[in-house]
Each structure stands twice: as C-alpha cells, then as structure tokens.
Amino acid sequence: MFPNKKVQTLTGKRVQVEMKGDKHMLEGKLESADDNLNLHLVETFEIIDGVKSRSLGSVVLRGNNIILLCPVGE
C-alpha cells in the first residue's frame, strides 16, 4: 500500500504529527489528506514536552514539512 493511501485511511481519526523545525508536535483529528500528503487537521493542539499547550483549531500542514505521522489510540 502506498503511504498516501495509508494516510487517507486515517481520515476521521486522531493523529499526532511531528513537524520539521524545533521539534514541533501537533495532535488533531485528520479531516483530509491529498496525494502530496498535505493534511487538514481540526480540533488541533500543539504539544510541547508531551503536554498539550494550546488549541490551534483548524490547521493545514504542507506535506514536505512533516517528519512523522502516527495514529493516537482513543
């Protein structure tokens, strides 16, 4: 299975995303993903040192800035 198809199966589920840069971590519900792995997250929180620090709401992430994407057990 191609990575973009696997990511699209996570639509509607909560995911954690590690971003390039200063170890940015986001957690939110995956609303949609395209073929370039650009993601739209809703109900998104920024995570700093393992703690949810602030609410960001709706966020669009560019695929080439994503290091890691993993589903969150509910």
PDB file of N, CA and C in Angstrom:
ATOM      1  N   MET A   1       0.846  -1.181   0.000  1.00  0.00           N
ATOM      2  CA  MET A   1       0.000   0.000   0.000  1.00  0.00           C
ATOM      3  C   MET A   1       0.892   1.245   0.000  1.00  0.00           C
ATOM      4  N   PHE A   2       0.551   2.225  -0.831  1.00  0.00           N
ATOM      5  CA  PHE A   2       1.309   3.464  -0.901  1.00  0.00           C
ATOM      6  C   PHE A   2       1.057   4.304   0.347  1.00  0.00           C
ATOM      7  N   PRO A   3       2.050   5.095   0.772  1.00  0.00           N
ATOM      8  CA  PRO A   3       1.890   5.891   2.004  1.00  0.00           C
ATOM      9  C   PRO A   3       0.680   6.817   1.969  1.00  0.00           C
ATOM     10  N   ASN A   4       0.413   7.458   0.833  1.00  0.00           N
ATOM     11  CA  ASN A   4      -0.715   8.392   0.802  1.00  0.00           C
ATOM     12  C   ASN A   4      -2.051   7.656   0.958  1.00  0.00           C
ATOM     13  N   LYS A   5      -2.156   6.438   0.466  1.00  0.00           N
ATOM     14  CA  LYS A   5      -3.388   5.653   0.650  1.00  0.00           C
ATOM     15  C   LYS A   5      -3.544   5.238   2.112  1.00  0.00           C
ATOM     16  N   LYS A   6      -2.441   4.884   2.763  1.00  0.00           N
ATOM     17  CA  LYS A   6      -2.469   4.519   4.177  1.00  0.00           C
ATOM     18  C   LYS A   6      -2.904   5.709   5.029  1.00  0.00           C
ATOM     19  N   VAL A   7      -2.365   6.884   4.731  1.00  0.00           N
ATOM     20  CA  VAL A   7      -2.730   8.092   5.477  1.00  0.00           C
ATOM     21  C   VAL A   7      -4.209   8.406   5.274  1.00  0.00           C
ATOM     22  N   GLN A   8      -4.714   8.241   4.063  1.00  0.00           N
ATOM     23  CA  GLN A   8      -6.122   8.538   3.798  1.00  0.00           C
ATOM     24  C   GLN A   8      -7.060   7.610   4.561  1.00  0.00           C
ATOM     25  N   THR A   9      -6.594   6.409   4.936  1.00  0.00           N
ATOM     26  CA  THR A   9      -7.426   5.512   5.747  1.00  0.00           C
ATOM     27  C   THR A   9      -7.577   6.028   7.180  1.00  0.00           C
ATOM     28  N   LEU A  10      -6.735   6.977   7.584  1.00  0.00           N
ATOM     29  CA  LEU A  10      -6.799   7.554   8.932  1.00  0.00           C
ATOM     30  C   LEU A  10      -7.762   8.734   9.020  1.00  0.00           C
ATOM     31  N   THR A  11      -8.406   9.092   7.921  1.00  0.00           N
ATOM     32  CA  THR A  11      -9.346  10.211   7.909  1.00  0.00           C
ATOM     33  C   THR A  11     -10.435   9.997   8.959  1.00  0.00           C
ATOM     34  N   GLY A  12     -10.677  11.028   9.756  1.00  0.00           N
ATOM     35  CA  GLY A  12     -11.678  10.958  10.825  1.00  0.00           C
ATOM     36  C   GLY A  12     -11.125  10.485  12.155  1.00  0.00           C
ATOM     37  N   LYS A  13      -9.849  10.111  12.197  1.00  0.00           N
ATOM     38  CA  LYS A  13      -9.223   9.626  13.429  1.00  0.00           C
ATOM     39  C   LYS A  13      -8.223  10.655  13.951  1.00  0.00           C
ATOM     40  N   ARG A  14      -7.900  10.545  15.242  1.00  0.00           N
ATOM     41  CA  ARG A  14      -6.911  11.448  15.844  1.00  0.00           C
ATOM     42  C   ARG A  14      -5.514  10.966  15.503  1.00  0.00           C
ATOM     43  N   VAL A  15      -4.648  11.922  15.143  1.00  0.00           N
ATOM     44  CA  VAL A  15      -3.265  11.619  14.780  1.00  0.00           C
ATOM     45  C   VAL A  15      -2.327  12.620  15.452  1.00  0.00           C
ATOM     46  N   GLN A  16      -1.081  12.192  15.630  1.00  0.00           N
ATOM     47  CA  GLN A  16      -0.011  13.091  16.063  1.00  0.00           C
ATOM     48  C   GLN A  16       0.932  13.273  14.890  1.00  0.00           C
ATOM     49  N   VAL A  17       1.371  14.512  14.694  1.00  0.00           N
ATOM     50  CA  VAL A  17       2.242  14.849  13.575  1.00  0.00           C
ATOM     51  C   VAL A  17       3.474  15.557  14.114  1.00  0.00           C
ATOM     52  N   GLU A  18       4.664  15.036  13.781  1.00  0.00           N
ATOM     53  CA  GLU A  18       5.915  15.708  14.134  1.00  0.00           C
ATOM     54  C   GLU A  18       6.345  16.525  12.935  1.00  0.00           C
ATOM     55  N   MET A  19       6.616  17.805  13.184  1.00  0.00           N
ATOM     56  CA  MET A  19       6.967  18.741  12.118  1.00  0.00           C
ATOM     57  C   MET A  19       8.465  19.034  12.136  1.00  0.00           C
ATOM     58  N   LYS A  20       8.986  19.454  10.980  1.00  0.00           N
ATOM     59  CA  LYS A  20      10.373  19.912  10.912  1.00  0.00           C
ATOM     60  C   LYS A  20      10.528  21.147  11.786  1.00  0.00           C
ATOM     61  N   GLY A  21      11.738  21.410  12.201  1.00  0.00           N
ATOM     62  CA  GLY A  21      11.997  22.611  12.990  1.00  0.00           C
ATOM     63  C   GLY A  21      12.313  22.276  14.427  1.00  0.00           C
ATOM     64  N   ASP A  22      11.780  23.082  15.332  1.00  0.00           N
ATOM     65  CA  ASP A  22      12.090  22.976  16.758  1.00  0.00           C
ATOM     66  C   ASP A  22      11.274  21.899  17.457  1.00  0.00           C
ATOM     67  N   LYS A  23      11.263  20.690  16.893  1.00  0.00           N
ATOM     68  CA  LYS A  23      10.547  19.562  17.497  1.00  0.00           C
ATOM     69  C   LYS A  23       9.079  19.907  17.759  1.00  0.00           C
ATOM     70  N   HIS A  24       8.434  20.513  16.771  1.00  0.00           N
ATOM     71  CA  HIS A  24       7.011  20.816  16.893  1.00  0.00           C
ATOM     72  C   HIS A  24       6.207  19.532  16.752  1.00  0.00           C
ATOM     73  N   MET A  25       5.221  19.368  17.628  1.00  0.00           N
ATOM     74  CA  MET A  25       4.344  18.211  17.599  1.00  0.00           C
ATOM     75  C   MET A  25       2.917  18.734  17.663  1.00  0.00           C
ATOM     76  N   LEU A  26       2.063  18.214  16.794  1.00  0.00           N
ATOM     77  CA  LEU A  26       0.663  18.601  16.782  1.00  0.00           C
ATOM     78  C   LEU A  26      -0.191  17.352  16.910  1.00  0.00           C
ATOM     79  N   GLU A  27      -1.358  17.513  17.530  1.00  0.00           N
ATOM     80  CA  GLU A  27      -2.322  16.415  17.611  1.00  0.00           C
ATOM     81  C   GLU A  27      -3.686  16.953  17.217  1.00  0.00           C
ATOM     82  N   GLY A  28      -4.355  16.231  16.324  1.00  0.00           N
ATOM     83  CA  GLY A  28      -5.677  16.663  15.897  1.00  0.00           C
ATOM     84  C   GLY A  28      -6.390  15.563  15.143  1.00  0.00           C
ATOM     85  N   LYS A  29      -7.628  15.849  14.774  1.00  0.00           N
ATOM     86  CA  LYS A  29      -8.424  14.896  14.006  1.00  0.00           C
ATOM     87  C   LYS A  29      -8.164  15.145  12.523  1.00  0.00           C
ATOM     88  N   LEU A  30      -7.762  14.095  11.802  1.00  0.00           N
ATOM     89  CA  LEU A  30      -7.441  14.212  10.385  1.00  0.00           C
ATOM     90  C   LEU A  30      -8.725  14.375   9.587  1.00  0.00           C
ATOM     91  N   GLU A  31      -8.880  15.537   8.982  1.00  0.00           N
ATOM     92  CA  GLU A  31     -10.066  15.844   8.182  1.00  0.00           C
ATOM     93  C   GLU A  31      -9.881  15.361   6.744  1.00  0.00           C
ATOM     94  N   SER A  32      -8.678  15.598   6.184  1.00  0.00           N
ATOM     95  CA  SER A  32      -8.408  15.156   4.810  1.00  0.00           C
ATOM     96  C   SER A  32      -6.910  15.137   4.552  1.00  0.00           C
ATOM     97  N   ALA A  33      -6.521  14.392   3.501  1.00  0.00           N
ATOM     98  CA  ALA A  33      -5.128  14.307   3.054  1.00  0.00           C
ATOM     99  C   ALA A  33      -5.144  14.168   1.537  1.00  0.00           C
ATOM    100  N   ASP A  34      -4.160  14.773   0.867  1.00  0.00           N
ATOM    101  CA  ASP A  34      -4.095  14.657  -0.590  1.00  0.00           C
ATOM    102  C   ASP A  34      -2.903  13.795  -0.999  1.00  0.00           C
ATOM    103  N   ASP A  35      -2.647  13.712  -2.304  1.00  0.00           N
ATOM    104  CA  ASP A  35      -1.576  12.856  -2.824  1.00  0.00           C
ATOM    105  C   ASP A  35      -0.185  13.329  -2.430  1.00  0.00           C
ATOM    106  N   ASN A  36      -0.024  14.607  -2.082  1.00  0.00           N
ATOM    107  CA  ASN A  36       1.271  15.147  -1.651  1.00  0.00           C
ATOM    108  C   ASN A  36       1.426  15.073  -0.134  1.00  0.00           C
ATOM    109  N   LEU A  37       0.494  14.408   0.531  1.00  0.00           N
ATOM    110  CA  LEU A  37       0.450  14.271   1.988  1.00  0.00           C
ATOM    111  C   LEU A  37       0.283  15.612   2.704  1.00  0.00           C
ATOM    112  N   ASN A  38      -0.328  16.588   2.028  1.00  0.00           N
ATOM    113  CA  ASN A  38      -0.776  17.785   2.715  1.00  0.00           C
ATOM    114  C   ASN A  38      -1.961  17.364   3.573  1.00  0.00           C
ATOM    115  N   LEU A  39      -1.988  17.834   4.825  1.00  0.00           N
ATOM    116  CA  LEU A  39      -3.006  17.387   5.769  1.00  0.00           C
ATOM    117  C   LEU A  39      -3.860  18.544   6.253  1.00  0.00           C
ATOM    118  N   HIS A  40      -5.139  18.271   6.477  1.00  0.00           N
ATOM    119  CA  HIS A  40      -6.028  19.222   7.128  1.00  0.00           C
ATOM    120  C   HIS A  40      -6.460  18.590   8.446  1.00  0.00           C
ATOM    121  N   LEU A  41      -6.072  19.220   9.563  1.00  0.00           N
ATOM    122  CA  LEU A  41      -6.426  18.749  10.901  1.00  0.00           C
ATOM    123  C   LEU A  41      -7.415  19.712  11.533  1.00  0.00           C
ATOM    124  N   VAL A  42      -8.366  19.179  12.276  1.00  0.00           N
ATOM    125  CA  VAL A  42      -9.296  20.005  13.056  1.00  0.00           C
ATOM    126  C   VAL A  42      -9.157  19.606  14.518  1.00  0.00           C
ATOM    127  N   GLU A  43      -9.656  20.469  15.407  1.00  0.00           N
ATOM    128  CA  GLU A  43      -9.536  20.238  16.858  1.00  0.00           C
ATOM    129  C   GLU A  43      -8.074  19.971  17.216  1.00  0.00           C
ATOM    130  N   THR A  44      -7.189  20.813  16.705  1.00  0.00           N
ATOM    131  CA  THR A  44      -5.741  20.601  16.807  1.00  0.00           C
ATOM    132  C   THR A  44      -5.155  21.266  18.046  1.00  0.00           C
ATOM    133  N   PHE A  45      -4.195  20.566  18.676  1.00  0.00           N
ATOM    134  CA  PHE A  45      -3.458  21.081  19.822  1.00  0.00           C
ATOM    135  C   PHE A  45      -1.976  21.018  19.527  1.00  0.00           C
ATOM    136  N   GLU A  46      -1.237  22.009  20.024  1.00  0.00           N
ATOM    137  CA  GLU A  46       0.223  21.974  19.977  1.00  0.00           C
ATOM    138  C   GLU A  46       0.697  21.223  21.222  1.00  0.00           C
ATOM    139  N   ILE A  47       1.671  20.342  21.045  1.00  0.00           N
ATOM    140  CA  ILE A  47       2.202  19.556  22.164  1.00  0.00           C
ATOM    141  C   ILE A  47       3.651  19.962  22.389  1.00  0.00           C
ATOM    142  N   ILE A  48       3.947  20.403  23.620  1.00  0.00           N
ATOM    143  CA  ILE A  48       5.307  20.796  23.989  1.00  0.00           C
ATOM    144  C   ILE A  48       5.711  19.962  25.204  1.00  0.00           C
ATOM    145  N   ASP A  49       6.822  19.251  25.090  1.00  0.00           N
ATOM    146  CA  ASP A  49       7.317  18.379  26.162  1.00  0.00           C
ATOM    147  C   ASP A  49       6.262  17.388  26.624  1.00  0.00           C
ATOM    148  N   GLY A  50       5.483  16.848  25.680  1.00  0.00           N
ATOM    149  CA  GLY A  50       4.492  15.828  25.996  1.00  0.00           C
ATOM    150  C   GLY A  50       3.204  16.347  26.599  1.00  0.00           C
ATOM    151  N   VAL A  51       3.036  17.672  26.701  1.00  0.00           N
ATOM    152  CA  VAL A  51       1.850  18.263  27.311  1.00  0.00           C
ATOM    153  C   VAL A  51       1.135  19.131  26.282  1.00  0.00           C
ATOM    154  N   LYS A  52      -0.198  18.986  26.191  1.00  0.00           N
ATOM    155  CA  LYS A  52      -0.971  19.847  25.290  1.00  0.00           C
ATOM    156  C   LYS A  52      -0.892  21.277  25.810  1.00  0.00           C
ATOM    157  N   SER A  53      -0.337  22.182  24.970  1.00  0.00           N
ATOM    158  CA  SER A  53      -0.104  23.527  25.477  1.00  0.00           C
ATOM    159  C   SER A  53      -1.139  24.544  25.019  1.00  0.00           C
ATOM    160  N   ARG A  54      -1.585  24.471  23.757  1.00  0.00           N
ATOM    161  CA  ARG A  54      -2.587  25.433  23.307  1.00  0.00           C
ATOM    162  C   ARG A  54      -3.391  24.855  22.151  1.00  0.00           C
ATOM    163  N   SER A  55      -4.606  25.368  22.030  1.00  0.00           N
ATOM    164  CA  SER A  55      -5.502  24.927  20.973  1.00  0.00           C
ATOM    165  C   SER A  55      -5.262  25.759  19.720  1.00  0.00           C
ATOM    166  N   LEU A  56      -5.173  25.092  18.561  1.00  0.00           N
ATOM    167  CA  LEU A  56      -4.953  25.786  17.300  1.00  0.00           C
ATOM    168  C   LEU A  56      -6.166  25.729  16.381  1.00  0.00           C
ATOM    169  N   GLY A  57      -7.138  24.876  16.690  1.00  0.00           N
ATOM    170  CA  GLY A  57      -8.336  24.765  15.863  1.00  0.00           C
ATOM    171  C   GLY A  57      -8.059  24.026  14.567  1.00  0.00           C
ATOM    172  N   SER A  58      -8.418  24.651  13.446  1.00  0.00           N
ATOM    173  CA  SER A  58      -8.238  24.053  12.119  1.00  0.00           C
ATOM    174  C   SER A  58      -6.866  24.432  11.561  1.00  0.00           C
ATOM    175  N   VAL A  59      -6.099  23.421  11.100  1.00  0.00           N
ATOM    176  CA  VAL A  59      -4.730  23.644  10.629  1.00  0.00           C
ATOM    177  C   VAL A  59      -4.522  22.889   9.320  1.00  0.00           C
ATOM    178  N   VAL A  60      -3.833  23.521   8.368  1.00  0.00           N
ATOM    179  CA  VAL A  60      -3.418  22.852   7.139  1.00  0.00           C
ATOM    180  C   VAL A  60      -1.899  22.732   7.169  1.00  0.00           C
ATOM    181  N   LEU A  61      -1.396  21.494   6.994  1.00  0.00           N
ATOM    182  CA  LEU A  61       0.043  21.225   7.046  1.00  0.00           C
ATOM    183  C   LEU A  61       0.538  20.828   5.662  1.00  0.00           C
ATOM    184  N   ARG A  62       1.637  21.425   5.256  1.00  0.00           N
ATOM    185  CA  ARG A  62       2.234  21.081   3.976  1.00  0.00           C
ATOM    186  C   ARG A  62       3.019  19.777   4.131  1.00  0.00           C
ATOM    187  N   GLY A  63       2.832  18.869   3.203  1.00  0.00           N
ATOM    188  CA  GLY A  63       3.391  17.527   3.301  1.00  0.00           C
ATOM    189  C   GLY A  63       4.894  17.471   3.447  1.00  0.00           C
ATOM    190  N   ASN A  64       5.632  18.402   2.805  1.00  0.00           N
ATOM    191  CA  ASN A  64       7.094  18.323   2.875  1.00  0.00           C
ATOM    192  C   ASN A  64       7.652  18.828   4.204  1.00  0.00           C
ATOM    193  N   ASN A  65       6.802  19.322   5.108  1.00  0.00           N
ATOM    194  CA  ASN A  65       7.243  19.749   6.439  1.00  0.00           C
ATOM    195  C   ASN A  65       6.954  18.707   7.508  1.00  0.00           C
ATOM    196  N   ILE A  66       6.402  17.575   7.109  1.00  0.00           N
ATOM    197  CA  ILE A  66       6.028  16.528   8.054  1.00  0.00           C
ATOM    198  C   ILE A  66       7.139  15.485   8.139  1.00  0.00           C
ATOM    199  N   ILE A  67       7.554  15.173   9.371  1.00  0.00           N
ATOM    200  CA  ILE A  67       8.555  14.140   9.595  1.00  0.00           C
ATOM    201  C   ILE A  67       7.894  12.804   9.917  1.00  0.00           C
ATOM    202  N   LEU A  68       6.901  12.832  10.798  1.00  0.00           N
ATOM    203  CA  LEU A  68       6.288  11.603  11.296  1.00  0.00           C
ATOM    204  C   LEU A  68       4.801  11.817  11.510  1.00  0.00           C
ATOM    205  N   LEU A  69       4.026  10.818  11.168  1.00  0.00           N
ATOM    206  CA  LEU A  69       2.581  10.838  11.379  1.00  0.00           C
ATOM    207  C   LEU A  69       2.185   9.519  12.024  1.00  0.00           C
ATOM    208  N   CYS A  70       1.499   9.577  13.172  1.00  0.00           N
ATOM    209  CA  CYS A  70       1.086   8.328  13.801  1.00  0.00           C
ATOM    210  C   CYS A  70      -0.308   8.488  14.407  1.00  0.00           C
ATOM    211  N   PRO A  71      -1.127   7.423  14.316  1.00  0.00           N
ATOM    212  CA  PRO A  71      -2.465   7.470  14.914  1.00  0.00           C
ATOM    213  C   PRO A  71      -2.373   7.462  16.438  1.00  0.00           C
ATOM    214  N   VAL A  72      -3.368   8.075  17.067  1.00  0.00           N
ATOM    215  CA  VAL A  72      -3.433   8.141  18.528  1.00  0.00           C
ATOM    216  C   VAL A  72      -4.531   7.202  18.988  1.00  0.00           C
ATOM    217  N   GLY A  73      -4.211   6.308  19.909  1.00  0.00           N
ATOM    218  CA  GLY A  73      -5.221   5.409  20.483  1.00  0.00           C
ATOM    219  C   GLY A  73      -6.205   6.194  21.321  1.00  0.00           C
ATOM    220  N   GLU A  74      -7.478   5.907  21.141  1.00  0.00           N
ATOM    221  CA  GLU A  74      -8.500   6.659  21.878  1.00  0.00           C
ATOM    222  C   GLU A  74      -8.946   5.887  23.092  1.00  0.00           C
TER     223      GLU A  74
END
